Amino acid sequence: MPDVTVINIILLALTAVIGVIVGWVVRGRRSSQEKAAINAGWQEQIEAQSNKARA
């Protein structure tokens, strides 16, 4: 079994931190896109209802 060195621990910690940061950024982008899609859907429903009320 290979010895666990300080360098190995530092590299593992560094990759974990990078993974967390990348995951956070990807999640933020996805949630922004989902929020925009939901808002667009609501806007379409509001416009459809206001067009019905005018007719």
PDB file of N, CA and C in Angstrom:
ATOM      1  N   MET A   1       0.862  -1.182   0.000  1.00  0.00           N
ATOM      2  CA  MET A   1       0.000   0.000   0.000  1.00  0.00           C
ATOM      3  C   MET A   1       0.901   1.235   0.000  1.00  0.00           C
ATOM      4  N   PRO A   2       0.640   2.182  -0.922  1.00  0.00           N
ATOM      5  CA  PRO A   2       1.496   3.372  -0.995  1.00  0.00           C
ATOM      6  C   PRO A   2       1.287   4.281   0.219  1.00  0.00           C
ATOM      7  N   ASP A   3       2.319   4.989   0.548  1.00  0.00           N
ATOM      8  CA  ASP A   3       2.242   5.925   1.673  1.00  0.00           C
ATOM      9  C   ASP A   3       1.427   7.151   1.275  1.00  0.00           C
ATOM     10  N   VAL A   4       0.637   7.634   2.219  1.00  0.00           N
ATOM     11  CA  VAL A   4      -0.124   8.861   2.005  1.00  0.00           C
ATOM     12  C   VAL A   4       0.765  10.021   2.455  1.00  0.00           C
ATOM     13  N   THR A   5       1.061  10.892   1.508  1.00  0.00           N
ATOM     14  CA  THR A   5       1.939  12.016   1.815  1.00  0.00           C
ATOM     15  C   THR A   5       1.115  13.298   1.947  1.00  0.00           C
ATOM     16  N   VAL A   6       1.778  14.316   2.423  1.00  0.00           N
ATOM     17  CA  VAL A   6       1.131  15.621   2.562  1.00  0.00           C
ATOM     18  C   VAL A   6       0.723  16.148   1.194  1.00  0.00           C
ATOM     19  N   ILE A   7       1.541  15.883   0.198  1.00  0.00           N
ATOM     20  CA  ILE A   7       1.229  16.351  -1.163  1.00  0.00           C
ATOM     21  C   ILE A   7      -0.050  15.677  -1.657  1.00  0.00           C
ATOM     22  N   ASN A   8      -0.212  14.382  -1.391  1.00  0.00           N
ATOM     23  CA  ASN A   8      -1.438  13.685  -1.798  1.00  0.00           C
ATOM     24  C   ASN A   8      -2.660  14.294  -1.125  1.00  0.00           C
ATOM     25  N   ILE A   9      -2.559  14.589   0.141  1.00  0.00           N
ATOM     26  CA  ILE A   9      -3.679  15.177   0.873  1.00  0.00           C
ATOM     27  C   ILE A   9      -4.004  16.560   0.326  1.00  0.00           C
ATOM     28  N   ILE A  10      -2.988  17.353   0.043  1.00  0.00           N
ATOM     29  CA  ILE A  10      -3.200  18.700  -0.509  1.00  0.00           C
ATOM     30  C   ILE A  10      -3.860  18.607  -1.878  1.00  0.00           C
ATOM     31  N   LEU A  11      -3.406  17.686  -2.724  1.00  0.00           N
ATOM     32  CA  LEU A  11      -3.998  17.535  -4.053  1.00  0.00           C
ATOM     33  C   LEU A  11      -5.451  17.085  -3.967  1.00  0.00           C
ATOM     34  N   LEU A  12      -5.750  16.171  -3.072  1.00  0.00           N
ATOM     35  CA  LEU A  12      -7.136  15.739  -2.896  1.00  0.00           C
ATOM     36  C   LEU A  12      -8.019  16.882  -2.408  1.00  0.00           C
ATOM     37  N   ALA A  13      -7.517  17.645  -1.464  1.00  0.00           N
ATOM     38  CA  ALA A  13      -8.280  18.784  -0.951  1.00  0.00           C
ATOM     39  C   ALA A  13      -8.492  19.829  -2.048  1.00  0.00           C
ATOM     40  N   LEU A  14      -7.460  20.060  -2.837  1.00  0.00           N
ATOM     41  CA  LEU A  14      -7.549  21.044  -3.917  1.00  0.00           C
ATOM     42  C   LEU A  14      -8.572  20.610  -4.969  1.00  0.00           C
ATOM     43  N   THR A  15      -8.546  19.340  -5.352  1.00  0.00           N
ATOM     44  CA  THR A  15      -9.528  18.870  -6.335  1.00  0.00           C
ATOM     45  C   THR A  15     -10.944  18.915  -5.767  1.00  0.00           C
ATOM     46  N   ALA A  16     -11.089  18.665  -4.484  1.00  0.00           N
ATOM     47  CA  ALA A  16     -12.410  18.750  -3.862  1.00  0.00           C
ATOM     48  C   ALA A  16     -12.925  20.187  -3.894  1.00  0.00           C
ATOM     49  N   VAL A  17     -12.062  21.136  -3.580  1.00  0.00           N
ATOM     50  CA  VAL A  17     -12.457  22.546  -3.588  1.00  0.00           C
ATOM     51  C   VAL A  17     -12.815  22.986  -5.006  1.00  0.00           C
ATOM     52  N   ILE A  18     -12.024  22.582  -5.977  1.00  0.00           N
ATOM     53  CA  ILE A  18     -12.315  22.933  -7.371  1.00  0.00           C
ATOM     54  C   ILE A  18     -13.647  22.315  -7.795  1.00  0.00           C
ATOM     55  N   GLY A  19     -13.899  21.083  -7.399  1.00  0.00           N
ATOM     56  CA  GLY A  19     -15.158  20.431  -7.730  1.00  0.00           C
ATOM     57  C   GLY A  19     -16.356  21.148  -7.134  1.00  0.00           C
ATOM     58  N   VAL A  20     -16.216  21.597  -5.906  1.00  0.00           N
ATOM     59  CA  VAL A  20     -17.310  22.334  -5.255  1.00  0.00           C
ATOM     60  C   VAL A  20     -17.575  23.649  -5.985  1.00  0.00           C
ATOM     61  N   ILE A  21     -16.519  24.348  -6.346  1.00  0.00           N
ATOM     62  CA  ILE A  21     -16.678  25.637  -7.036  1.00  0.00           C
ATOM     63  C   ILE A  21     -17.324  25.444  -8.403  1.00  0.00           C
ATOM     64  N   VAL A  22     -16.853  24.455  -9.166  1.00  0.00           N
ATOM     65  CA  VAL A  22     -17.424  24.197 -10.487  1.00  0.00           C
ATOM     66  C   VAL A  22     -18.898  23.794 -10.355  1.00  0.00           C
ATOM     67  N   GLY A  23     -19.207  22.949  -9.389  1.00  0.00           N
ATOM     68  CA  GLY A  23     -20.592  22.542  -9.174  1.00  0.00           C
ATOM     69  C   GLY A  23     -21.482  23.718  -8.816  1.00  0.00           C
ATOM     70  N   TRP A  24     -20.975  24.605  -7.995  1.00  0.00           N
ATOM     71  CA  TRP A  24     -21.736  25.784  -7.579  1.00  0.00           C
ATOM     72  C   TRP A  24     -22.038  26.682  -8.797  1.00  0.00           C
ATOM     73  N   VAL A  25     -21.041  26.883  -9.639  1.00  0.00           N
ATOM     74  CA  VAL A  25     -21.223  27.734 -10.818  1.00  0.00           C
ATOM     75  C   VAL A  25     -22.232  27.107 -11.778  1.00  0.00           C
ATOM     76  N   VAL A  26     -22.107  25.805 -12.025  1.00  0.00           N
ATOM     77  CA  VAL A  26     -23.025  25.121 -12.936  1.00  0.00           C
ATOM     78  C   VAL A  26     -24.447  25.173 -12.392  1.00  0.00           C
ATOM     79  N   ARG A  27     -24.605  24.940 -11.094  1.00  0.00           N
ATOM     80  CA  ARG A  27     -25.931  24.990 -10.476  1.00  0.00           C
ATOM     81  C   ARG A  27     -26.525  26.387 -10.578  1.00  0.00           C
ATOM     82  N   GLY A  28     -25.697  27.413 -10.368  1.00  0.00           N
ATOM     83  CA  GLY A  28     -26.170  28.793 -10.474  1.00  0.00           C
ATOM     84  C   GLY A  28     -26.647  29.132 -11.874  1.00  0.00           C
ATOM     85  N   ARG A  29     -25.903  28.685 -12.876  1.00  0.00           N
ATOM     86  CA  ARG A  29     -26.314  28.954 -14.249  1.00  0.00           C
ATOM     87  C   ARG A  29     -27.622  28.245 -14.578  1.00  0.00           C
ATOM     88  N   ARG A  30     -27.727  26.994 -14.154  1.00  0.00           N
ATOM     89  CA  ARG A  30     -28.941  26.227 -14.443  1.00  0.00           C
ATOM     90  C   ARG A  30     -30.152  26.851 -13.761  1.00  0.00           C
ATOM     91  N   SER A  31     -29.982  27.274 -12.519  1.00  0.00           N
ATOM     92  CA  SER A  31     -31.117  27.866 -11.807  1.00  0.00           C
ATOM     93  C   SER A  31     -31.527  29.201 -12.430  1.00  0.00           C
ATOM     94  N   SER A  32     -30.563  29.940 -12.950  1.00  0.00           N
ATOM     95  CA  SER A  32     -30.904  31.197 -13.634  1.00  0.00           C
ATOM     96  C   SER A  32     -31.719  30.923 -14.886  1.00  0.00           C
ATOM     97  N   GLN A  33     -31.331  29.895 -15.636  1.00  0.00           N
ATOM     98  CA  GLN A  33     -32.078  29.547 -16.847  1.00  0.00           C
ATOM     99  C   GLN A  33     -33.477  29.057 -16.498  1.00  0.00           C
ATOM    100  N   GLU A  34     -33.594  28.260 -15.450  1.00  0.00           N
ATOM    101  CA  GLU A  34     -34.905  27.769 -15.039  1.00  0.00           C
ATOM    102  C   GLU A  34     -35.797  28.909 -14.569  1.00  0.00           C
ATOM    103  N   LYS A  35     -35.220  29.853 -13.840  1.00  0.00           N
ATOM    104  CA  LYS A  35     -35.990  31.004 -13.365  1.00  0.00           C
ATOM    105  C   LYS A  35     -36.487  31.837 -14.541  1.00  0.00           C
ATOM    106  N   ALA A  36     -35.649  32.028 -15.544  1.00  0.00           N
ATOM    107  CA  ALA A  36     -36.057  32.793 -16.727  1.00  0.00           C
ATOM    108  C   ALA A  36     -37.178  32.073 -17.464  1.00  0.00           C
ATOM    109  N   ALA A  37     -37.094  30.754 -17.562  1.00  0.00           N
ATOM    110  CA  ALA A  37     -38.144  29.990 -18.245  1.00  0.00           C
ATOM    111  C   ALA A  37     -39.461  30.076 -17.483  1.00  0.00           C
ATOM    112  N   ILE A  38     -39.412  29.996 -16.176  1.00  0.00           N
ATOM    113  CA  ILE A  38     -40.632  30.090 -15.368  1.00  0.00           C
ATOM    114  C   ILE A  38     -41.251  31.478 -15.503  1.00  0.00           C
ATOM    115  N   ASN A  39     -40.419  32.510 -15.442  1.00  0.00           N
ATOM    116  CA  ASN A  39     -40.935  33.875 -15.587  1.00  0.00           C
ATOM    117  C   ASN A  39     -41.554  34.092 -16.959  1.00  0.00           C
ATOM    118  N   ALA A  40     -40.954  33.514 -17.997  1.00  0.00           N
ATOM    119  CA  ALA A  40     -41.511  33.657 -19.344  1.00  0.00           C
ATOM    120  C   ALA A  40     -42.872  32.965 -19.418  1.00  0.00           C
ATOM    121  N   GLY A  41     -42.985  31.806 -18.797  1.00  0.00           N
ATOM    122  CA  GLY A  41     -44.273  31.101 -18.787  1.00  0.00           C
ATOM    123  C   GLY A  41     -45.344  31.891 -18.079  1.00  0.00           C
ATOM    124  N   TRP A  42     -44.993  32.455 -16.946  1.00  0.00           N
ATOM    125  CA  TRP A  42     -45.970  33.274 -16.219  1.00  0.00           C
ATOM    126  C   TRP A  42     -46.367  34.496 -17.038  1.00  0.00           C
ATOM    127  N   GLN A  43     -45.397  35.108 -17.712  1.00  0.00           N
ATOM    128  CA  GLN A  43     -45.693  36.291 -18.523  1.00  0.00           C
ATOM    129  C   GLN A  43     -46.654  35.934 -19.646  1.00  0.00           C
ATOM    130  N   GLU A  44     -46.441  34.771 -20.269  1.00  0.00           N
ATOM    131  CA  GLU A  44     -47.347  34.340 -21.333  1.00  0.00           C
ATOM    132  C   GLU A  44     -48.761  34.124 -20.795  1.00  0.00           C
ATOM    133  N   GLN A  45     -48.882  33.535 -19.612  1.00  0.00           N
ATOM    134  CA  GLN A  45     -50.206  33.313 -19.033  1.00  0.00           C
ATOM    135  C   GLN A  45     -50.891  34.627 -18.700  1.00  0.00           C
ATOM    136  N   ILE A  46     -50.144  35.570 -18.180  1.00  0.00           N
ATOM    137  CA  ILE A  46     -50.721  36.877 -17.844  1.00  0.00           C
ATOM    138  C   ILE A  46     -51.202  37.585 -19.110  1.00  0.00           C
ATOM    139  N   GLU A  47     -50.384  37.534 -20.165  1.00  0.00           N
ATOM    140  CA  GLU A  47     -50.782  38.171 -21.424  1.00  0.00           C
ATOM    141  C   GLU A  47     -52.008  37.493 -22.017  1.00  0.00           C
ATOM    142  N   ALA A  48     -52.071  36.151 -21.949  1.00  0.00           N
ATOM    143  CA  ALA A  48     -53.224  35.425 -22.475  1.00  0.00           C
ATOM    144  C   ALA A  48     -54.485  35.804 -21.716  1.00  0.00           C
ATOM    145  N   GLN A  49     -54.406  35.942 -20.416  1.00  0.00           N
ATOM    146  CA  GLN A  49     -55.572  36.313 -19.622  1.00  0.00           C
ATOM    147  C   GLN A  49     -56.008  37.739 -19.902  1.00  0.00           C
ATOM    148  N   SER A  50     -55.054  38.634 -20.088  1.00  0.00           N
ATOM    149  CA  SER A  50     -55.428  40.021 -20.362  1.00  0.00           C
ATOM    150  C   SER A  50     -56.024  40.134 -21.765  1.00  0.00           C
ATOM    151  N   ASN A  51     -55.577  39.300 -22.709  1.00  0.00           N
ATOM    152  CA  ASN A  51     -56.168  39.310 -24.045  1.00  0.00           C
ATOM    153  C   ASN A  51     -57.594  38.750 -23.998  1.00  0.00           C
ATOM    154  N   LYS A  52     -57.843  37.768 -23.159  1.00  0.00           N
ATOM    155  CA  LYS A  52     -59.200  37.235 -23.012  1.00  0.00           C
ATOM    156  C   LYS A  52     -60.128  38.283 -22.417  1.00  0.00           C
ATOM    157  N   ALA A  53     -59.641  39.029 -21.461  1.00  0.00           N
ATOM    158  CA  ALA A  53     -60.470  40.036 -20.798  1.00  0.00           C
ATOM    159  C   ALA A  53     -60.826  41.152 -21.780  1.00  0.00           C
ATOM    160  N   ARG A  54     -59.942  41.467 -22.707  1.00  0.00           N
ATOM    161  CA  ARG A  54     -60.199  42.528 -23.686  1.00  0.00           C
ATOM    162  C   ARG A  54     -61.197  42.068 -24.736  1.00  0.00           C
ATOM    163  N   ALA A  55     -61.192  40.792 -25.043  1.00  0.00           N
ATOM    164  CA  ALA A  55     -62.047  40.287 -26.125  1.00  0.00           C
ATOM    165  C   ALA A  55     -63.501  40.172 -25.727  1.00  0.00           C
TER     166      ALA A  55
END
